Amino acid sequence: MSNASVSHLKNATEQLGLARDHLTVGVADAVNSGVDAAREVKAQAGESVDMLLDQGKDIVGQAGEVIRSRPWTTVGIALAAGYVLAKLGSRN
């Protein structure tokens, strides 16, 4: 092999090494960005779940207050709803 061929081969090897290093850094950056995005989504989902649970607790608390303040009205509404559902279910 001539000196020029060896020089070109060494240069190509160096360029391939640099390209591999750039590719490795790019892949690592992409993976890190994906992990960061997943963490952010997880945090937002956790906040949403907490908010929905709090709202559910508030609704249950409000329902409990209505039941305690108007027990006979609540029983009447429950009976009426049961009657309507039974009628709808018996239409088959």
PDB file of N, CA and C in Angstrom:
ATOM      1  N   MET A   1       0.835  -1.174   0.000  1.00  0.00           N
ATOM      2  CA  MET A   1       0.000   0.000   0.000  1.00  0.00           C
ATOM      3  C   MET A   1       0.881   1.239   0.000  1.00  0.00           C
ATOM      4  N   SER A   2       0.442   2.248  -0.707  1.00  0.00           N
ATOM      5  CA  SER A   2       1.223   3.473  -0.762  1.00  0.00           C
ATOM      6  C   SER A   2       0.949   4.321   0.473  1.00  0.00           C
ATOM      7  N   ASN A   3       1.830   5.265   0.693  1.00  0.00           N
ATOM      8  CA  ASN A   3       1.671   6.172   1.845  1.00  0.00           C
ATOM      9  C   ASN A   3       0.373   6.972   1.741  1.00  0.00           C
ATOM     10  N   ALA A   4      -0.029   7.332   0.534  1.00  0.00           N
ATOM     11  CA  ALA A   4      -1.264   8.100   0.341  1.00  0.00           C
ATOM     12  C   ALA A   4      -2.475   7.244   0.701  1.00  0.00           C
ATOM     13  N   SER A   5      -2.447   5.959   0.328  1.00  0.00           N
ATOM     14  CA  SER A   5      -3.554   5.067   0.648  1.00  0.00           C
ATOM     15  C   SER A   5      -3.662   4.860   2.147  1.00  0.00           C
ATOM     16  N   VAL A   6      -2.524   4.681   2.798  1.00  0.00           N
ATOM     17  CA  VAL A   6      -2.514   4.497   4.249  1.00  0.00           C
ATOM     18  C   VAL A   6      -3.027   5.760   4.928  1.00  0.00           C
ATOM     19  N   SER A   7      -2.637   6.896   4.424  1.00  0.00           N
ATOM     20  CA  SER A   7      -3.076   8.172   4.993  1.00  0.00           C
ATOM     21  C   SER A   7      -4.591   8.332   4.824  1.00  0.00           C
ATOM     22  N   HIS A   8      -5.096   7.994   3.653  1.00  0.00           N
ATOM     23  CA  HIS A   8      -6.541   8.085   3.407  1.00  0.00           C
ATOM     24  C   HIS A   8      -7.303   7.110   4.308  1.00  0.00           C
ATOM     25  N   LEU A   9      -6.736   5.926   4.483  1.00  0.00           N
ATOM     26  CA  LEU A   9      -7.372   4.924   5.335  1.00  0.00           C
ATOM     27  C   LEU A   9      -7.417   5.390   6.789  1.00  0.00           C
ATOM     28  N   LYS A  10      -6.305   5.970   7.260  1.00  0.00           N
ATOM     29  CA  LYS A  10      -6.279   6.496   8.638  1.00  0.00           C
ATOM     30  C   LYS A  10      -7.277   7.637   8.789  1.00  0.00           C
ATOM     31  N   ASN A  11      -7.344   8.499   7.772  1.00  0.00           N
ATOM     32  CA  ASN A  11      -8.265   9.630   7.821  1.00  0.00           C
ATOM     33  C   ASN A  11      -9.717   9.117   7.833  1.00  0.00           C
ATOM     34  N   ALA A  12     -10.021   8.132   6.994  1.00  0.00           N
ATOM     35  CA  ALA A  12     -11.367   7.570   6.960  1.00  0.00           C
ATOM     36  C   ALA A  12     -11.706   6.920   8.293  1.00  0.00           C
ATOM     37  N   THR A  13     -10.746   6.227   8.899  1.00  0.00           N
ATOM     38  CA  THR A  13     -10.966   5.594  10.203  1.00  0.00           C
ATOM     39  C   THR A  13     -11.250   6.647  11.262  1.00  0.00           C
ATOM     40  N   GLU A  14     -10.508   7.738  11.237  1.00  0.00           N
ATOM     41  CA  GLU A  14     -10.735   8.824  12.200  1.00  0.00           C
ATOM     42  C   GLU A  14     -12.120   9.438  11.994  1.00  0.00           C
ATOM     43  N   GLN A  15     -12.496   9.641  10.729  1.00  0.00           N
ATOM     44  CA  GLN A  15     -13.809  10.224  10.427  1.00  0.00           C
ATOM     45  C   GLN A  15     -14.940   9.301  10.888  1.00  0.00           C
ATOM     46  N   LEU A  16     -14.754   8.001  10.679  1.00  0.00           N
ATOM     47  CA  LEU A  16     -15.745   7.039  11.154  1.00  0.00           C
ATOM     48  C   LEU A  16     -15.844   7.067  12.678  1.00  0.00           C
ATOM     49  N   GLY A  17     -14.718   7.182  13.349  1.00  0.00           N
ATOM     50  CA  GLY A  17     -14.721   7.269  14.812  1.00  0.00           C
ATOM     51  C   GLY A  17     -15.459   8.512  15.289  1.00  0.00           C
ATOM     52  N   LEU A  18     -15.190   9.646  14.612  1.00  0.00           N
ATOM     53  CA  LEU A  18     -15.888  10.883  14.979  1.00  0.00           C
ATOM     54  C   LEU A  18     -17.386  10.769  14.715  1.00  0.00           C
ATOM     55  N   ALA A  19     -17.760  10.171  13.584  1.00  0.00           N
ATOM     56  CA  ALA A  19     -19.178   9.993  13.274  1.00  0.00           C
ATOM     57  C   ALA A  19     -19.844   9.089  14.313  1.00  0.00           C
ATOM     58  N   ARG A  20     -19.138   8.026  14.718  1.00  0.00           N
ATOM     59  CA  ARG A  20     -19.676   7.125  15.743  1.00  0.00           C
ATOM     60  C   ARG A  20     -19.870   7.878  17.053  1.00  0.00           C
ATOM     61  N   ASP A  21     -18.892   8.701  17.427  1.00  0.00           N
ATOM     62  CA  ASP A  21     -19.007   9.473  18.658  1.00  0.00           C
ATOM     63  C   ASP A  21     -20.185  10.451  18.604  1.00  0.00           C
ATOM     64  N   HIS A  22     -20.357  11.122  17.462  1.00  0.00           N
ATOM     65  CA  HIS A  22     -21.479  12.056  17.316  1.00  0.00           C
ATOM     66  C   HIS A  22     -22.810  11.313  17.385  1.00  0.00           C
ATOM     67  N   LEU A  23     -22.861  10.166  16.748  1.00  0.00           N
ATOM     68  CA  LEU A  23     -24.079   9.364  16.769  1.00  0.00           C
ATOM     69  C   LEU A  23     -24.396   8.891  18.185  1.00  0.00           C
ATOM     70  N   THR A  24     -23.365   8.469  18.909  1.00  0.00           N
ATOM     71  CA  THR A  24     -23.553   8.015  20.288  1.00  0.00           C
ATOM     72  C   THR A  24     -24.090   9.155  21.159  1.00  0.00           C
ATOM     73  N   VAL A  25     -23.530  10.339  21.001  1.00  0.00           N
ATOM     74  CA  VAL A  25     -23.986  11.504  21.771  1.00  0.00           C
ATOM     75  C   VAL A  25     -25.423  11.853  21.392  1.00  0.00           C
ATOM     76  N   GLY A  26     -25.716  11.795  20.089  1.00  0.00           N
ATOM     77  CA  GLY A  26     -27.076  12.106  19.642  1.00  0.00           C
ATOM     78  C   GLY A  26     -28.097  11.129  20.194  1.00  0.00           C
ATOM     79  N   VAL A  27     -27.759   9.845  20.181  1.00  0.00           N
ATOM     80  CA  VAL A  27     -28.667   8.836  20.719  1.00  0.00           C
ATOM     81  C   VAL A  27     -28.844   9.036  22.220  1.00  0.00           C
ATOM     82  N   ALA A  28     -27.752   9.299  22.917  1.00  0.00           N
ATOM     83  CA  ALA A  28     -27.833   9.520  24.370  1.00  0.00           C
ATOM     84  C   ALA A  28     -28.706  10.735  24.680  1.00  0.00           C
ATOM     85  N   ASP A  29     -28.554  11.801  23.896  1.00  0.00           N
ATOM     86  CA  ASP A  29     -29.384  12.996  24.102  1.00  0.00           C
ATOM     87  C   ASP A  29     -30.863  12.686  23.853  1.00  0.00           C
ATOM     88  N   ALA A  30     -31.129  11.917  22.802  1.00  0.00           N
ATOM     89  CA  ALA A  30     -32.514  11.560  22.498  1.00  0.00           C
ATOM     90  C   ALA A  30     -33.111  10.715  23.613  1.00  0.00           C
ATOM     91  N   VAL A  31     -32.346   9.763  24.113  1.00  0.00           N
ATOM     92  CA  VAL A  31     -32.832   8.912  25.205  1.00  0.00           C
ATOM     93  C   VAL A  31     -33.086   9.752  26.447  1.00  0.00           C
ATOM     94  N   ASN A  32     -32.168  10.643  26.768  1.00  0.00           N
ATOM     95  CA  ASN A  32     -32.344  11.493  27.945  1.00  0.00           C
ATOM     96  C   ASN A  32     -33.563  12.402  27.800  1.00  0.00           C
ATOM     97  N   SER A  33     -33.783  12.921  26.594  1.00  0.00           N
ATOM     98  CA  SER A  33     -34.960  13.757  26.359  1.00  0.00           C
ATOM     99  C   SER A  33     -36.242  12.944  26.529  1.00  0.00           C
ATOM    100  N   GLY A  34     -36.222  11.711  26.043  1.00  0.00           N
ATOM    101  CA  GLY A  34     -37.384  10.844  26.199  1.00  0.00           C
ATOM    102  C   GLY A  34     -37.665  10.534  27.654  1.00  0.00           C
ATOM    103  N   VAL A  35     -36.609  10.272  28.414  1.00  0.00           N
ATOM    104  CA  VAL A  35     -36.770   9.980  29.842  1.00  0.00           C
ATOM    105  C   VAL A  35     -37.321  11.206  30.564  1.00  0.00           C
ATOM    106  N   ASP A  36     -36.795  12.376  30.231  1.00  0.00           N
ATOM    107  CA  ASP A  36     -37.287  13.606  30.863  1.00  0.00           C
ATOM    108  C   ASP A  36     -38.764  13.841  30.531  1.00  0.00           C
ATOM    109  N   ALA A  37     -39.129  13.615  29.265  1.00  0.00           N
ATOM    110  CA  ALA A  37     -40.524  13.807  28.865  1.00  0.00           C
ATOM    111  C   ALA A  37     -41.428  12.815  29.590  1.00  0.00           C
ATOM    112  N   ALA A  38     -40.974  11.587  29.731  1.00  0.00           N
ATOM    113  CA  ALA A  38     -41.772  10.574  30.435  1.00  0.00           C
ATOM    114  C   ALA A  38     -41.954  10.957  31.898  1.00  0.00           C
ATOM    115  N   ARG A  39     -40.911  11.465  32.513  1.00  0.00           N
ATOM    116  CA  ARG A  39     -41.020  11.898  33.911  1.00  0.00           C
ATOM    117  C   ARG A  39     -42.018  13.036  34.056  1.00  0.00           C
ATOM    118  N   GLU A  40     -41.986  13.970  33.102  1.00  0.00           N
ATOM    119  CA  GLU A  40     -42.907  15.109  33.158  1.00  0.00           C
ATOM    120  C   GLU A  40     -44.351  14.643  32.992  1.00  0.00           C
ATOM    121  N   VAL A  41     -44.571  13.731  32.051  1.00  0.00           N
ATOM    122  CA  VAL A  41     -45.922  13.203  31.842  1.00  0.00           C
ATOM    123  C   VAL A  41     -46.400  12.462  33.090  1.00  0.00           C
ATOM    124  N   LYS A  42     -45.510  11.696  33.697  1.00  0.00           N
ATOM    125  CA  LYS A  42     -45.865  10.963  34.910  1.00  0.00           C
ATOM    126  C   LYS A  42     -46.247  11.932  36.029  1.00  0.00           C
ATOM    127  N   ALA A  43     -45.487  13.000  36.172  1.00  0.00           N
ATOM    128  CA  ALA A  43     -45.785  13.986  37.215  1.00  0.00           C
ATOM    129  C   ALA A  43     -47.139  14.654  36.957  1.00  0.00           C
ATOM    130  N   GLN A  44     -47.398  15.011  35.681  1.00  0.00           N
ATOM    131  CA  GLN A  44     -48.670  15.644  35.345  1.00  0.00           C
ATOM    132  C   GLN A  44     -49.830  14.680  35.564  1.00  0.00           C
ATOM    133  N   ALA A  45     -49.632  13.419  35.215  1.00  0.00           N
ATOM    134  CA  ALA A  45     -50.688  12.425  35.417  1.00  0.00           C
ATOM    135  C   ALA A  45     -50.964  12.250  36.906  1.00  0.00           C
ATOM    136  N   GLY A  46     -49.913  12.232  37.711  1.00  0.00           N
ATOM    137  CA  GLY A  46     -50.089  12.108  39.156  1.00  0.00           C
ATOM    138  C   GLY A  46     -50.876  13.275  39.724  1.00  0.00           C
ATOM    139  N   GLU A  47     -50.580  14.479  39.231  1.00  0.00           N
ATOM    140  CA  GLU A  47     -51.308  15.656  39.690  1.00  0.00           C
ATOM    141  C   GLU A  47     -52.781  15.568  39.285  1.00  0.00           C
ATOM    142  N   SER A  48     -53.039  15.100  38.076  1.00  0.00           N
ATOM    143  CA  SER A  48     -54.419  14.969  37.604  1.00  0.00           C
ATOM    144  C   SER A  48     -55.184  13.945  38.436  1.00  0.00           C
ATOM    145  N   VAL A  49     -54.543  12.832  38.743  1.00  0.00           N
ATOM    146  CA  VAL A  49     -55.191  11.803  39.560  1.00  0.00           C
ATOM    147  C   VAL A  49     -55.495  12.352  40.941  1.00  0.00           C
ATOM    148  N   ASP A  50     -54.542  13.062  41.528  1.00  0.00           N
ATOM    149  CA  ASP A  50     -54.766  13.650  42.854  1.00  0.00           C
ATOM    150  C   ASP A  50     -55.931  14.631  42.822  1.00  0.00           C
ATOM    151  N   MET A  51     -55.992  15.442  41.762  1.00  0.00           N
ATOM    152  CA  MET A  51     -57.068  16.425  41.646  1.00  0.00           C
ATOM    153  C   MET A  51     -58.420  15.716  41.512  1.00  0.00           C
ATOM    154  N   LEU A  52     -58.476  14.659  40.684  1.00  0.00           N
ATOM    155  CA  LEU A  52     -59.729  13.925  40.518  1.00  0.00           C
ATOM    156  C   LEU A  52     -60.154  13.238  41.813  1.00  0.00           C
ATOM    157  N   LEU A  53     -59.197  12.699  42.547  1.00  0.00           N
ATOM    158  CA  LEU A  53     -59.530  12.076  43.828  1.00  0.00           C
ATOM    159  C   LEU A  53     -60.083  13.097  44.810  1.00  0.00           C
ATOM    160  N   ASP A  54     -59.477  14.276  44.842  1.00  0.00           N
ATOM    161  CA  ASP A  54     -59.973  15.337  45.725  1.00  0.00           C
ATOM    162  C   ASP A  54     -61.391  15.751  45.338  1.00  0.00           C
ATOM    163  N   GLN A  55     -61.637  15.871  44.024  1.00  0.00           N
ATOM    164  CA  GLN A  55     -62.975  16.239  43.572  1.00  0.00           C
ATOM    165  C   GLN A  55     -63.990  15.153  43.944  1.00  0.00           C
ATOM    166  N   GLY A  56     -63.582  13.896  43.793  1.00  0.00           N
ATOM    167  CA  GLY A  56     -64.468  12.789  44.162  1.00  0.00           C
ATOM    168  C   GLY A  56     -64.799  12.817  45.640  1.00  0.00           C
ATOM    169  N   LYS A  57     -63.796  13.089  46.468  1.00  0.00           N
ATOM    170  CA  LYS A  57     -64.030  13.174  47.916  1.00  0.00           C
ATOM    171  C   LYS A  57     -64.976  14.322  48.241  1.00  0.00           C
ATOM    172  N   ASP A  58     -64.809  15.443  47.541  1.00  0.00           N
ATOM    173  CA  ASP A  58     -65.707  16.584  47.762  1.00  0.00           C
ATOM    174  C   ASP A  58     -67.149  16.233  47.397  1.00  0.00           C
ATOM    175  N   ILE A  59     -67.315  15.543  46.272  1.00  0.00           N
ATOM    176  CA  ILE A  59     -68.668  15.163  45.837  1.00  0.00           C
ATOM    177  C   ILE A  59     -69.300  14.212  46.835  1.00  0.00           C
ATOM    178  N   VAL A  60     -68.528  13.235  47.300  1.00  0.00           N
ATOM    179  CA  VAL A  60     -69.056  12.291  48.296  1.00  0.00           C
ATOM    180  C   VAL A  60     -69.411  13.038  49.584  1.00  0.00           C
ATOM    181  N   GLY A  61     -68.575  13.968  49.976  1.00  0.00           N
ATOM    182  CA  GLY A  61     -68.863  14.763  51.176  1.00  0.00           C
ATOM    183  C   GLY A  61     -70.134  15.583  51.022  1.00  0.00           C
ATOM    184  N   GLN A  62     -70.302  16.184  49.853  1.00  0.00           N
ATOM    185  CA  GLN A  62     -71.511  16.971  49.601  1.00  0.00           C
ATOM    186  C   GLN A  62     -72.752  16.072  49.586  1.00  0.00           C
ATOM    187  N   ALA A  63     -72.608  14.897  48.984  1.00  0.00           N
ATOM    188  CA  ALA A  63     -73.742  13.964  48.965  1.00  0.00           C
ATOM    189  C   ALA A  63     -74.101  13.543  50.386  1.00  0.00           C
ATOM    190  N   GLY A  64     -73.104  13.312  51.203  1.00  0.00           N
ATOM    191  CA  GLY A  64     -73.354  12.953  52.596  1.00  0.00           C
ATOM    192  C   GLY A  64     -74.080  14.059  53.341  1.00  0.00           C
ATOM    193  N   GLU A  65     -73.710  15.307  53.066  1.00  0.00           N
ATOM    194  CA  GLU A  65     -74.377  16.435  53.712  1.00  0.00           C
ATOM    195  C   GLU A  65     -75.852  16.516  53.287  1.00  0.00           C
ATOM    196  N   VAL A  66     -76.119  16.310  52.002  1.00  0.00           N
ATOM    197  CA  VAL A  66     -77.507  16.347  51.507  1.00  0.00           C
ATOM    198  C   VAL A  66     -78.311  15.223  52.142  1.00  0.00           C
ATOM    199  N   ILE A  67     -77.724  14.033  52.219  1.00  0.00           N
ATOM    200  CA  ILE A  67     -78.434  12.896  52.816  1.00  0.00           C
ATOM    201  C   ILE A  67     -78.753  13.165  54.281  1.00  0.00           C
ATOM    202  N   ARG A  68     -77.801  13.736  55.015  1.00  0.00           N
ATOM    203  CA  ARG A  68     -78.033  14.030  56.432  1.00  0.00           C
ATOM    204  C   ARG A  68     -79.050  15.155  56.625  1.00  0.00           C
ATOM    205  N   SER A  69     -79.029  16.143  55.727  1.00  0.00           N
ATOM    206  CA  SER A  69     -79.947  17.272  55.917  1.00  0.00           C
ATOM    207  C   SER A  69     -81.353  16.973  55.411  1.00  0.00           C
ATOM    208  N   ARG A  70     -81.507  16.077  54.451  1.00  0.00           N
ATOM    209  CA  ARG A  70     -82.833  15.747  53.893  1.00  0.00           C
ATOM    210  C   ARG A  70     -82.951  14.240  53.665  1.00  0.00           C
ATOM    211  N   PRO A  71     -83.002  13.473  54.732  1.00  0.00           N
ATOM    212  CA  PRO A  71     -83.008  12.013  54.562  1.00  0.00           C
ATOM    213  C   PRO A  71     -84.244  11.494  53.832  1.00  0.00           C
ATOM    214  N   TRP A  72     -85.427  12.056  54.105  1.00  0.00           N
ATOM    215  CA  TRP A  72     -86.650  11.547  53.470  1.00  0.00           C
ATOM    216  C   TRP A  72     -86.686  11.907  51.990  1.00  0.00           C
ATOM    217  N   THR A  73     -86.204  13.061  51.660  1.00  0.00           N
ATOM    218  CA  THR A  73     -86.121  13.452  50.243  1.00  0.00           C
ATOM    219  C   THR A  73     -85.174  12.519  49.496  1.00  0.00           C
ATOM    220  N   THR A  74     -84.060  12.193  50.142  1.00  0.00           N
ATOM    221  CA  THR A  74     -83.081  11.295  49.541  1.00  0.00           C
ATOM    222  C   THR A  74     -83.680   9.913  49.306  1.00  0.00           C
ATOM    223  N   VAL A  75     -84.423   9.408  50.282  1.00  0.00           N
ATOM    224  CA  VAL A  75     -85.060   8.092  50.137  1.00  0.00           C
ATOM    225  C   VAL A  75     -86.076   8.139  48.995  1.00  0.00           C
ATOM    226  N   GLY A  76     -86.857   9.210  48.907  1.00  0.00           N
ATOM    227  CA  GLY A  76     -87.838   9.355  47.829  1.00  0.00           C
ATOM    228  C   GLY A  76     -87.178   9.384  46.459  1.00  0.00           C
ATOM    229  N   ILE A  77     -86.107  10.129  46.344  1.00  0.00           N
ATOM    230  CA  ILE A  77     -85.394  10.202  45.067  1.00  0.00           C
ATOM    231  C   ILE A  77     -84.821   8.837  44.704  1.00  0.00           C
ATOM    232  N   ALA A  78     -84.263   8.132  45.679  1.00  0.00           N
ATOM    233  CA  ALA A  78     -83.710   6.801  45.424  1.00  0.00           C
ATOM    234  C   ALA A  78     -84.792   5.839  44.967  1.00  0.00           C
ATOM    235  N   LEU A  79     -85.952   5.887  45.604  1.00  0.00           N
ATOM    236  CA  LEU A  79     -87.061   5.018  45.196  1.00  0.00           C
ATOM    237  C   LEU A  79     -87.537   5.353  43.788  1.00  0.00           C
ATOM    238  N   ALA A  80     -87.649   6.637  43.481  1.00  0.00           N
ATOM    239  CA  ALA A  80     -88.101   7.047  42.156  1.00  0.00           C
ATOM    240  C   ALA A  80     -87.088   6.620  41.089  1.00  0.00           C
ATOM    241  N   ALA A  81     -85.828   6.796  41.372  1.00  0.00           N
ATOM    242  CA  ALA A  81     -84.799   6.389  40.417  1.00  0.00           C
ATOM    243  C   ALA A  81     -84.820   4.883  40.213  1.00  0.00           C
ATOM    244  N   GLY A  82     -84.985   4.126  41.278  1.00  0.00           N
ATOM    245  CA  GLY A  82     -85.078   2.674  41.170  1.00  0.00           C
ATOM    246  C   GLY A  82     -86.275   2.249  40.347  1.00  0.00           C
ATOM    247  N   TYR A  83     -87.399   2.913  40.543  1.00  0.00           N
ATOM    248  CA  TYR A  83     -88.616   2.603  39.793  1.00  0.00           C
ATOM    249  C   TYR A  83     -88.397   2.862  38.299  1.00  0.00           C
ATOM    250  N   VAL A  84     -87.825   4.014  37.983  1.00  0.00           N
ATOM    251  CA  VAL A  84     -87.576   4.367  36.576  1.00  0.00           C
ATOM    252  C   VAL A  84     -86.617   3.371  35.938  1.00  0.00           C
ATOM    253  N   LEU A  85     -85.554   3.023  36.636  1.00  0.00           N
ATOM    254  CA  LEU A  85     -84.593   2.057  36.102  1.00  0.00           C
ATOM    255  C   LEU A  85     -85.236   0.680  35.913  1.00  0.00           C
ATOM    256  N   ALA A  86     -86.089   0.284  36.838  1.00  0.00           N
ATOM    257  CA  ALA A  86     -86.775  -1.009  36.708  1.00  0.00           C
ATOM    258  C   ALA A  86     -87.704  -1.003  35.489  1.00  0.00           C
ATOM    259  N   LYS A  87     -88.404   0.099  35.280  1.00  0.00           N
ATOM    260  CA  LYS A  87     -89.292   0.201  34.119  1.00  0.00           C
ATOM    261  C   LYS A  87     -88.496   0.173  32.816  1.00  0.00           C
ATOM    262  N   LEU A  88     -87.381   0.878  32.790  1.00  0.00           N
ATOM    263  CA  LEU A  88     -86.545   0.882  31.597  1.00  0.00           C
ATOM    264  C   LEU A  88     -85.970  -0.512  31.323  1.00  0.00           C
ATOM    265  N   GLY A  89     -85.616  -1.216  32.388  1.00  0.00           N
ATOM    266  CA  GLY A  89     -85.045  -2.548  32.237  1.00  0.00           C
ATOM    267  C   GLY A  89     -86.054  -3.597  31.843  1.00  0.00           C
ATOM    268  N   SER A  90     -87.335  -3.364  32.137  1.00  0.00           N
ATOM    269  CA  SER A  90     -88.357  -4.369  31.841  1.00  0.00           C
ATOM    270  C   SER A  90     -88.965  -4.179  30.457  1.00  0.00           C
ATOM    271  N   ARG A  91     -88.508  -3.228  29.695  1.00  0.00           N
ATOM    272  CA  ARG A  91     -89.060  -2.962  28.360  1.00  0.00           C
ATOM    273  C   ARG A  91     -88.633  -4.034  27.369  1.00  0.00           C
ATOM    274  N   ASN A  92     -87.711  -4.853  27.688  1.00  0.00           N
ATOM    275  CA  ASN A  92     -87.221  -5.885  26.752  1.00  0.00           C
ATOM    276  C   ASN A  92     -88.303  -6.844  26.537  1.00  0.00           C
TER     277      ASN A  92
END
